[in-house]
PDB file of N, CA and C in Angstrom:
ATOM      1  N   MET A   1     -81.832 -92.299-173.815  1.00  0.00           N
ATOM      2  CA  MET A   1     -83.166 -92.090-174.366  1.00  0.00           C
ATOM      3  C   MET A   1     -84.076 -93.276-174.079  1.00  0.00           C
ATOM      4  N   ASP A   2     -83.524 -94.474-174.074  1.00  0.00           N
ATOM      5  CA  ASP A   2     -84.359 -95.662-173.917  1.00  0.00           C
ATOM      6  C   ASP A   2     -85.032 -95.755-172.555  1.00  0.00           C
ATOM      7  N   ILE A   3     -84.467 -95.113-171.540  1.00  0.00           N
ATOM      8  CA  ILE A   3     -85.048 -95.229-170.205  1.00  0.00           C
ATOM      9  C   ILE A   3     -85.921 -94.039-169.819  1.00  0.00           C
ATOM     10  N   LEU A   4     -85.938 -92.969-170.628  1.00  0.00           N
ATOM     11  CA  LEU A   4     -86.727 -91.791-170.291  1.00  0.00           C
ATOM     12  C   LEU A   4     -88.211 -92.038-170.527  1.00  0.00           C
ATOM     13  N   ALA A   5     -89.026 -91.581-169.575  1.00  0.00           N
ATOM     14  CA  ALA A   5     -90.476 -91.671-169.687  1.00  0.00           C
ATOM     15  C   ALA A   5     -91.071 -90.331-169.261  1.00  0.00           C
ATOM     16  N   CYS A   6     -92.251 -90.038-169.727  1.00  0.00           N
ATOM     17  CA  CYS A   6     -92.935 -88.797-169.384  1.00  0.00           C
ATOM     18  C   CYS A   6     -93.260 -88.801-167.886  1.00  0.00           C
ATOM     19  N   PRO A   7     -92.837 -87.758-167.144  1.00  0.00           N
ATOM     20  CA  PRO A   7     -93.144 -87.709-165.721  1.00  0.00           C
ATOM     21  C   PRO A   7     -94.636 -87.490-165.435  1.00  0.00           C
ATOM     22  N   VAL A   8     -95.395 -87.015-166.421  1.00  0.00           N
ATOM     23  CA  VAL A   8     -96.823 -86.759-166.224  1.00  0.00           C
ATOM     24  C   VAL A   8     -97.641 -88.043-166.370  1.00  0.00           C
ATOM     25  N   CYS A   9     -97.493 -88.715-167.506  1.00  0.00           N
ATOM     26  CA  CYS A   9     -98.346 -89.886-167.776  1.00  0.00           C
ATOM     27  C   CYS A   9     -97.568 -91.201-167.809  1.00  0.00           C
ATOM     28  N   LYS A  10     -96.251 -91.129-167.621  1.00  0.00           N
ATOM     29  CA  LYS A  10     -95.362 -92.304-167.586  1.00  0.00           C
ATOM     30  C   LYS A  10     -95.225 -93.008-168.931  1.00  0.00           C
ATOM     31  N   HIS A  11     -95.638 -92.341-170.021  1.00  0.00           N
ATOM     32  CA  HIS A  11     -95.521 -92.928-171.367  1.00  0.00           C
ATOM     33  C   HIS A  11     -94.053 -93.052-171.749  1.00  0.00           C
ATOM     34  N   HIS A  12     -93.749 -94.111-172.433  1.00  0.00           N
ATOM     35  CA  HIS A  12     -92.366 -94.418-172.826  1.00  0.00           C
ATOM     36  C   HIS A  12     -92.412 -95.006-174.227  1.00  0.00           C
ATOM     37  N   PRO A  13     -91.572 -94.679-175.133  1.00  0.00           N
ATOM     38  CA  PRO A  13     -90.484 -93.683-175.088  1.00  0.00           C
ATOM     39  C   PRO A  13     -90.980 -92.316-175.515  1.00  0.00           C
ATOM     40  N   LEU A  14     -90.158 -91.311-175.274  1.00  0.00           N
ATOM     41  CA  LEU A  14     -90.438 -89.953-175.702  1.00  0.00           C
ATOM     42  C   LEU A  14     -89.830 -89.724-177.082  1.00  0.00           C
ATOM     43  N   LEU A  15     -90.444 -88.819-177.832  1.00  0.00           N
ATOM     44  CA  LEU A  15     -89.949 -88.470-179.160  1.00  0.00           C
ATOM     45  C   LEU A  15     -88.921 -87.352-179.019  1.00  0.00           C
ATOM     46  N   LEU A  16     -87.762 -87.497-179.656  1.00  0.00           N
ATOM     47  CA  LEU A  16     -86.684 -86.509-179.583  1.00  0.00           C
ATOM     48  C   LEU A  16     -86.679 -85.667-180.844  1.00  0.00           C
ATOM     49  N   GLU A  17     -86.702 -84.334-180.666  1.00  0.00           N
ATOM     50  CA  GLU A  17     -86.535 -83.387-181.767  1.00  0.00           C
ATOM     51  C   GLU A  17     -85.240 -82.620-181.508  1.00  0.00           C
ATOM     52  N   VAL A  18     -84.264 -82.764-182.394  1.00  0.00           N
ATOM     53  CA  VAL A  18     -82.949 -82.148-182.232  1.00  0.00           C
ATOM     54  C   VAL A  18     -82.892 -80.841-183.010  1.00  0.00           C
ATOM     55  N   GLU A  19     -82.492 -79.766-182.333  1.00  0.00           N
ATOM     56  CA  GLU A  19     -82.282 -78.472-182.977  1.00  0.00           C
ATOM     57  C   GLU A  19     -80.796 -78.210-183.206  1.00  0.00           C
ATOM     58  N   ARG A  20     -79.963 -78.637-182.238  1.00  0.00           N
ATOM     59  CA  ARG A  20     -78.520 -78.432-182.360  1.00  0.00           C
ATOM     60  C   ARG A  20     -77.804 -79.604-181.704  1.00  0.00           C
ATOM     61  N   GLU A  21     -76.804 -80.110-182.407  1.00  0.00           N
ATOM     62  CA  GLU A  21     -76.033 -81.256-181.941  1.00  0.00           C
ATOM     63  C   GLU A  21     -74.548 -80.889-181.981  1.00  0.00           C
ATOM     64  N   MET A  22     -73.781 -81.422-181.016  1.00  0.00           N
ATOM     65  CA  MET A  22     -72.348 -81.164-180.981  1.00  0.00           C
ATOM     66  C   MET A  22     -71.645 -82.456-180.553  1.00  0.00           C
ATOM     67  N   ALA A  23     -70.759 -82.951-181.403  1.00  0.00           N
ATOM     68  CA  ALA A  23     -69.986 -84.174-181.118  1.00  0.00           C
ATOM     69  C   ALA A  23     -70.894 -85.342-180.747  1.00  0.00           C
ATOM     70  N   GLY A  24     -72.021 -85.460-181.452  1.00  0.00           N
ATOM     71  CA  GLY A  24     -72.935 -86.576-181.221  1.00  0.00           C
ATOM     72  C   GLY A  24     -73.861 -86.411-180.029  1.00  0.00           C
ATOM     73  N   GLU A  25     -73.796 -85.253-179.345  1.00  0.00           N
ATOM     74  CA  GLU A  25     -74.650 -84.984-178.199  1.00  0.00           C
ATOM     75  C   GLU A  25     -75.683 -83.926-178.551  1.00  0.00           C
ATOM     76  N   VAL A  26     -76.908 -84.120-178.098  1.00  0.00           N
ATOM     77  CA  VAL A  26     -77.967 -83.139-178.332  1.00  0.00           C
ATOM     78  C   VAL A  26     -77.752 -81.967-177.380  1.00  0.00           C
ATOM     79  N   MET A  27     -77.556 -80.790-177.936  1.00  0.00           N
ATOM     80  CA  MET A  27     -77.339 -79.592-177.128  1.00  0.00           C
ATOM     81  C   MET A  27     -78.617 -78.769-176.975  1.00  0.00           C
ATOM     82  N   GLU A  28     -79.423 -78.719-178.014  1.00  0.00           N
ATOM     83  CA  GLU A  28     -80.684 -77.977-177.996  1.00  0.00           C
ATOM     84  C   GLU A  28     -81.743 -78.819-178.685  1.00  0.00           C
ATOM     85  N   GLY A  29     -82.950 -78.784-178.161  1.00  0.00           N
ATOM     86  CA  GLY A  29     -84.048 -79.531-178.760  1.00  0.00           C
ATOM     87  C   GLY A  29     -85.165 -79.698-177.762  1.00  0.00           C
ATOM     88  N   ARG A  30     -85.918 -80.784-177.935  1.00  0.00           N
ATOM     89  CA  ARG A  30     -87.006 -81.041-176.999  1.00  0.00           C
ATOM     90  C   ARG A  30     -87.410 -82.504-177.056  1.00  0.00           C
ATOM     91  N   LEU A  31     -87.999 -82.938-175.968  1.00  0.00           N
ATOM     92  CA  LEU A  31     -88.576 -84.271-175.867  1.00  0.00           C
ATOM     93  C   LEU A  31     -90.084 -84.110-175.842  1.00  0.00           C
ATOM     94  N   LEU A  32     -90.781 -84.922-176.613  1.00  0.00           N
ATOM     95  CA  LEU A  32     -92.231 -84.814-176.721  1.00  0.00           C
ATOM     96  C   LEU A  32     -92.891 -86.117-176.288  1.00  0.00           C
ATOM     97  N   CYS A  33     -93.941 -85.987-175.491  1.00  0.00           N
ATOM     98  CA  CYS A  33     -94.738 -87.155-175.128  1.00  0.00           C
ATOM     99  C   CYS A  33     -95.851 -87.297-176.149  1.00  0.00           C
ATOM    100  N   GLN A  34     -95.905 -88.425-176.793  1.00  0.00           N
ATOM    101  CA  GLN A  34     -96.915 -88.639-177.829  1.00  0.00           C
ATOM    102  C   GLN A  34     -98.284 -88.929-177.237  1.00  0.00           C
ATOM    103  N   ARG A  35     -98.353 -89.301-175.955  1.00  0.00           N
ATOM    104  CA  ARG A  35     -99.638 -89.595-175.329  1.00  0.00           C
ATOM    105  C   ARG A  35    -100.305 -88.329-174.793  1.00  0.00           C
ATOM    106  N   CYS A  36     -99.626 -87.607-173.868  1.00  0.00           N
ATOM    107  CA  CYS A  36    -100.264 -86.441-173.232  1.00  0.00           C
ATOM    108  C   CYS A  36     -99.840 -85.110-173.851  1.00  0.00           C
ATOM    109  N   LYS A  37     -98.926 -85.152-174.831  1.00  0.00           N
ATOM    110  CA  LYS A  37     -98.471 -83.969-175.576  1.00  0.00           C
ATOM    111  C   LYS A  37     -97.620 -83.007-174.753  1.00  0.00           C
ATOM    112  N   ALA A  38     -97.082 -83.443-173.614  1.00  0.00           N
ATOM    113  CA  ALA A  38     -96.173 -82.598-172.831  1.00  0.00           C
ATOM    114  C   ALA A  38     -94.871 -82.410-173.608  1.00  0.00           C
ATOM    115  N   VAL A  39     -94.259 -81.239-173.432  1.00  0.00           N
ATOM    116  CA  VAL A  39     -93.015 -80.895-174.113  1.00  0.00           C
ATOM    117  C   VAL A  39     -91.963 -80.587-173.048  1.00  0.00           C
ATOM    118  N   TYR A  40     -90.783 -81.198-173.199  1.00  0.00           N
ATOM    119  CA  TYR A  40     -89.673 -81.001-172.272  1.00  0.00           C
ATOM    120  C   TYR A  40     -88.478 -80.468-173.054  1.00  0.00           C
ATOM    121  N   PRO A  41     -88.088 -79.211-172.792  1.00  0.00           N
ATOM    122  CA  PRO A  41     -86.980 -78.615-173.549  1.00  0.00           C
ATOM    123  C   PRO A  41     -85.622 -79.201-173.150  1.00  0.00           C
ATOM    124  N   ILE A  42     -84.708 -79.169-174.101  1.00  0.00           N
ATOM    125  CA  ILE A  42     -83.313 -79.526-173.858  1.00  0.00           C
ATOM    126  C   ILE A  42     -82.498 -78.275-174.146  1.00  0.00           C
ATOM    127  N   GLU A  43     -81.776 -77.791-173.135  1.00  0.00           N
ATOM    128  CA  GLU A  43     -80.951 -76.588-173.279  1.00  0.00           C
ATOM    129  C   GLU A  43     -79.562 -76.880-172.737  1.00  0.00           C
ATOM    130  N   ASP A  44     -78.550 -76.526-173.479  1.00  0.00           N
ATOM    131  CA  ASP A  44     -77.152 -76.764-173.095  1.00  0.00           C
ATOM    132  C   ASP A  44     -76.901 -78.235-172.774  1.00  0.00           C
ATOM    133  N   GLY A  45     -77.599 -79.127-173.485  1.00  0.00           N
ATOM    134  CA  GLY A  45     -77.403 -80.558-173.317  1.00  0.00           C
ATOM    135  C   GLY A  45     -78.136 -81.167-172.142  1.00  0.00           C
ATOM    136  N   ILE A  46     -78.948 -80.373-171.429  1.00  0.00           N
ATOM    137  CA  ILE A  46     -79.649 -80.860-170.242  1.00  0.00           C
ATOM    138  C   ILE A  46     -81.156 -80.828-170.469  1.00  0.00           C
ATOM    139  N   PRO A  47     -81.821 -81.998-170.399  1.00  0.00           N
ATOM    140  CA  PRO A  47     -83.276 -82.011-170.545  1.00  0.00           C
ATOM    141  C   PRO A  47     -83.953 -81.516-169.260  1.00  0.00           C
ATOM    142  N   ASP A  48     -84.950 -80.675-169.408  1.00  0.00           N
ATOM    143  CA  ASP A  48     -85.746 -80.191-168.278  1.00  0.00           C
ATOM    144  C   ASP A  48     -86.986 -81.078-168.187  1.00  0.00           C
ATOM    145  N   MET A  49     -86.933 -82.070-167.307  1.00  0.00           N
ATOM    146  CA  MET A  49     -88.002 -83.068-167.214  1.00  0.00           C
ATOM    147  C   MET A  49     -89.025 -82.743-166.132  1.00  0.00           C
ATOM    148  N   LEU A  50     -89.073 -81.470-165.700  1.00  0.00           N
ATOM    149  CA  LEU A  50     -90.100 -81.078-164.740  1.00  0.00           C
ATOM    150  C   LEU A  50     -91.448 -81.041-165.456  1.00  0.00           C
ATOM    151  N   PRO A  51     -92.508 -81.534-164.798  1.00  0.00           N
ATOM    152  CA  PRO A  51     -93.820 -81.501-165.440  1.00  0.00           C
ATOM    153  C   PRO A  51     -94.236 -80.071-165.780  1.00  0.00           C
ATOM    154  N   PRO A  52     -94.878 -79.876-166.935  1.00  0.00           N
ATOM    155  CA  PRO A  52     -95.339 -78.538-167.319  1.00  0.00           C
ATOM    156  C   PRO A  52     -96.356 -78.008-166.314  1.00  0.00           C
ATOM    157  N   GLU A  53     -96.398 -76.713-166.165  1.00  0.00           N
ATOM    158  CA  GLU A  53     -97.334 -76.087-165.229  1.00  0.00           C
ATOM    159  C   GLU A  53     -98.743 -76.174-165.748  1.00  0.00           C
TER     160      GLU A  53
END
């Protein structure tokens, strides 16, 4: 988490919202950029860091 930055505006750090956790790992949730308000979903433990359309 400490090294992730928003691919759109390069803001660091991103805010993590956890919906489901398993064995200390985030399985479902999202990462939020507090500067540009971009949202990056986390599904099956994998964050989708592609810039929003």
